[in-house]
Amino acid sequence: MERAGQMEAEVRAILAPLPGTVAVAARHLRTGQFIWINEAQHVPAASVIKIPVLVALTQAAALGRISLNTTVELDAADLALRDGKDGSG
């Protein structure tokens, strides 16, 4: 089995027992090979949206623009849309 095929088989084995629909796009960092599973399926982003936020945060911290020890208080107005509703109600 080629590397991408083996990687896809391993990911599918991990996903098999999970409930619901899962979509995956992955790249093997050494070979550059990609796999896509259920790539056309629309699924909610859920907590995955936190990843680019954390990347931006760590980049800003590395550049000295923000301290990771800073506490930021959020309120309802800071909530993102979910299911077409905002945090106001």
C-alpha atoms as a PDB file:
ATOM      1  CA  MET A   1       0.000   0.000   0.000  1.00  0.00           C
ATOM      2  CA  GLU A   2       1.427   3.384  -0.943  1.00  0.00           C
ATOM      3  CA  ARG A   3       2.139   5.856   1.856  1.00  0.00           C
ATOM      4  CA  ALA A   4      -0.900   8.088   1.225  1.00  0.00           C
ATOM      5  CA  GLY A   5      -3.116   5.004   1.050  1.00  0.00           C
ATOM      6  CA  GLN A   6      -1.674   3.701   4.307  1.00  0.00           C
ATOM      7  CA  MET A   7      -2.108   7.078   5.992  1.00  0.00           C
ATOM      8  CA  GLU A   8      -5.722   7.275   4.819  1.00  0.00           C
ATOM      9  CA  ALA A   9      -6.399   3.732   6.039  1.00  0.00           C
ATOM     10  CA  GLU A  10      -4.963   4.578   9.464  1.00  0.00           C
ATOM     11  CA  VAL A  11      -7.046   7.755   9.753  1.00  0.00           C
ATOM     12  CA  ARG A  12     -10.199   5.931   8.628  1.00  0.00           C
ATOM     13  CA  ALA A  13      -9.562   3.273  11.306  1.00  0.00           C
ATOM     14  CA  ILE A  14      -9.385   6.011  13.957  1.00  0.00           C
ATOM     15  CA  LEU A  15     -12.577   7.641  12.652  1.00  0.00           C
ATOM     16  CA  ALA A  16     -14.590   4.431  12.213  1.00  0.00           C
ATOM     17  CA  PRO A  17     -15.868   4.124  15.815  1.00  0.00           C
ATOM     18  CA  LEU A  18     -16.721   7.823  16.118  1.00  0.00           C
ATOM     19  CA  PRO A  19     -20.368   8.891  15.897  1.00  0.00           C
ATOM     20  CA  GLY A  20     -21.471  11.464  13.360  1.00  0.00           C
ATOM     21  CA  THR A  21     -19.768  12.722  10.246  1.00  0.00           C
ATOM     22  CA  VAL A  22     -16.110  13.672  10.259  1.00  0.00           C
ATOM     23  CA  ALA A  23     -14.252  15.412   7.443  1.00  0.00           C
ATOM     24  CA  VAL A  24     -10.463  15.334   7.311  1.00  0.00           C
ATOM     25  CA  ALA A  25      -7.828  17.002   5.182  1.00  0.00           C
ATOM     26  CA  ALA A  26      -4.293  16.068   6.110  1.00  0.00           C
ATOM     27  CA  ARG A  27      -0.815  16.426   4.680  1.00  0.00           C
ATOM     28  CA  HIS A  28       2.105  14.168   5.516  1.00  0.00           C
ATOM     29  CA  LEU A  29       4.813  16.695   6.398  1.00  0.00           C
ATOM     30  CA  ARG A  30       7.740  14.584   5.192  1.00  0.00           C
ATOM     31  CA  THR A  31       6.308  13.379   1.888  1.00  0.00           C
ATOM     32  CA  GLY A  32       3.906  16.211   1.112  1.00  0.00           C
ATOM     33  CA  GLN A  33       1.168  13.694   0.276  1.00  0.00           C
ATOM     34  CA  PHE A  34      -2.423  14.710   0.997  1.00  0.00           C
ATOM     35  CA  ILE A  35      -5.482  12.752   2.004  1.00  0.00           C
ATOM     36  CA  TRP A  36      -9.070  13.937   1.997  1.00  0.00           C
ATOM     37  CA  ILE A  37     -11.916  12.112   3.702  1.00  0.00           C
ATOM     38  CA  ASN A  38     -15.490  13.365   3.245  1.00  0.00           C
ATOM     39  CA  GLU A  39     -14.032  16.562   1.784  1.00  0.00           C
ATOM     40  CA  ALA A  40     -17.322  17.526   0.113  1.00  0.00           C
ATOM     41  CA  GLN A  41     -19.319  17.011   3.327  1.00  0.00           C
ATOM     42  CA  HIS A  42     -20.415  20.184   5.133  1.00  0.00           C
ATOM     43  CA  VAL A  43     -19.639  19.898   8.843  1.00  0.00           C
ATOM     44  CA  PRO A  44     -19.632  22.553  11.592  1.00  0.00           C
ATOM     45  CA  ALA A  45     -16.183  23.891  12.447  1.00  0.00           C
ATOM     46  CA  ALA A  46     -16.814  23.552  16.209  1.00  0.00           C
ATOM     47  CA  SER A  47     -13.606  23.969  18.215  1.00  0.00           C
ATOM     48  CA  VAL A  48     -11.385  23.718  15.141  1.00  0.00           C
ATOM     49  CA  ILE A  49     -11.801  27.471  14.697  1.00  0.00           C
ATOM     50  CA  LYS A  50      -9.584  27.891  17.752  1.00  0.00           C
ATOM     51  CA  ILE A  51      -6.532  26.623  15.861  1.00  0.00           C
ATOM     52  CA  PRO A  52      -5.931  29.699  13.643  1.00  0.00           C
ATOM     53  CA  VAL A  53      -6.694  31.939  16.636  1.00  0.00           C
ATOM     54  CA  LEU A  54      -4.010  30.171  18.684  1.00  0.00           C
ATOM     55  CA  VAL A  55      -1.551  30.320  15.785  1.00  0.00           C
ATOM     56  CA  ALA A  56      -2.062  34.091  15.502  1.00  0.00           C
ATOM     57  CA  LEU A  57      -1.747  34.447  19.274  1.00  0.00           C
ATOM     58  CA  THR A  58       1.531  32.530  19.469  1.00  0.00           C
ATOM     59  CA  GLN A  59       2.916  34.459  16.486  1.00  0.00           C
ATOM     60  CA  ALA A  60       2.023  37.770  18.161  1.00  0.00           C
ATOM     61  CA  ALA A  61       3.647  36.579  21.396  1.00  0.00           C
ATOM     62  CA  ALA A  62       6.804  35.529  19.548  1.00  0.00           C
ATOM     63  CA  LEU A  63       7.001  39.022  18.028  1.00  0.00           C
ATOM     64  CA  GLY A  64       6.522  40.618  21.464  1.00  0.00           C
ATOM     65  CA  ARG A  65       3.153  42.130  20.556  1.00  0.00           C
ATOM     66  CA  ILE A  66       1.287  40.374  23.369  1.00  0.00           C
ATOM     67  CA  SER A  67       2.128  38.478  26.522  1.00  0.00           C
ATOM     68  CA  LEU A  68       0.712  34.997  26.989  1.00  0.00           C
ATOM     69  CA  ASN A  69       0.265  35.962  30.647  1.00  0.00           C
ATOM     70  CA  THR A  70      -2.282  38.659  29.774  1.00  0.00           C
ATOM     71  CA  THR A  71      -5.852  37.922  30.878  1.00  0.00           C
ATOM     72  CA  VAL A  72      -8.617  39.050  28.534  1.00  0.00           C
ATOM     73  CA  GLU A  73     -12.207  39.118  29.741  1.00  0.00           C
ATOM     74  CA  LEU A  74     -14.877  38.362  27.136  1.00  0.00           C
ATOM     75  CA  ASP A  75     -18.586  39.072  27.290  1.00  0.00           C
ATOM     76  CA  ALA A  76     -21.626  38.076  25.210  1.00  0.00           C
ATOM     77  CA  ALA A  77     -20.781  40.598  22.476  1.00  0.00           C
ATOM     78  CA  ASP A  78     -17.520  38.709  21.847  1.00  0.00           C
ATOM     79  CA  LEU A  79     -19.284  35.438  21.032  1.00  0.00           C
ATOM     80  CA  ALA A  80     -19.110  34.243  17.438  1.00  0.00           C
ATOM     81  CA  LEU A  81     -22.100  33.230  15.381  1.00  0.00           C
ATOM     82  CA  ARG A  82     -23.260  29.680  15.894  1.00  0.00           C
ATOM     83  CA  ASP A  83     -26.254  28.184  14.177  1.00  0.00           C
ATOM     84  CA  GLY A  84     -27.187  31.645  12.907  1.00  0.00           C
ATOM     85  CA  LYS A  85     -27.400  33.167  16.399  1.00  0.00           C
ATOM     86  CA  ASP A  86     -25.074  35.648  18.026  1.00  0.00           C
ATOM     87  CA  GLY A  87     -24.211  35.890  21.706  1.00  0.00           C
ATOM     88  CA  SER A  88     -26.710  38.652  22.428  1.00  0.00           C
ATOM     89  CA  GLY A  89     -29.668  36.484  23.246  1.00  0.00           C
END
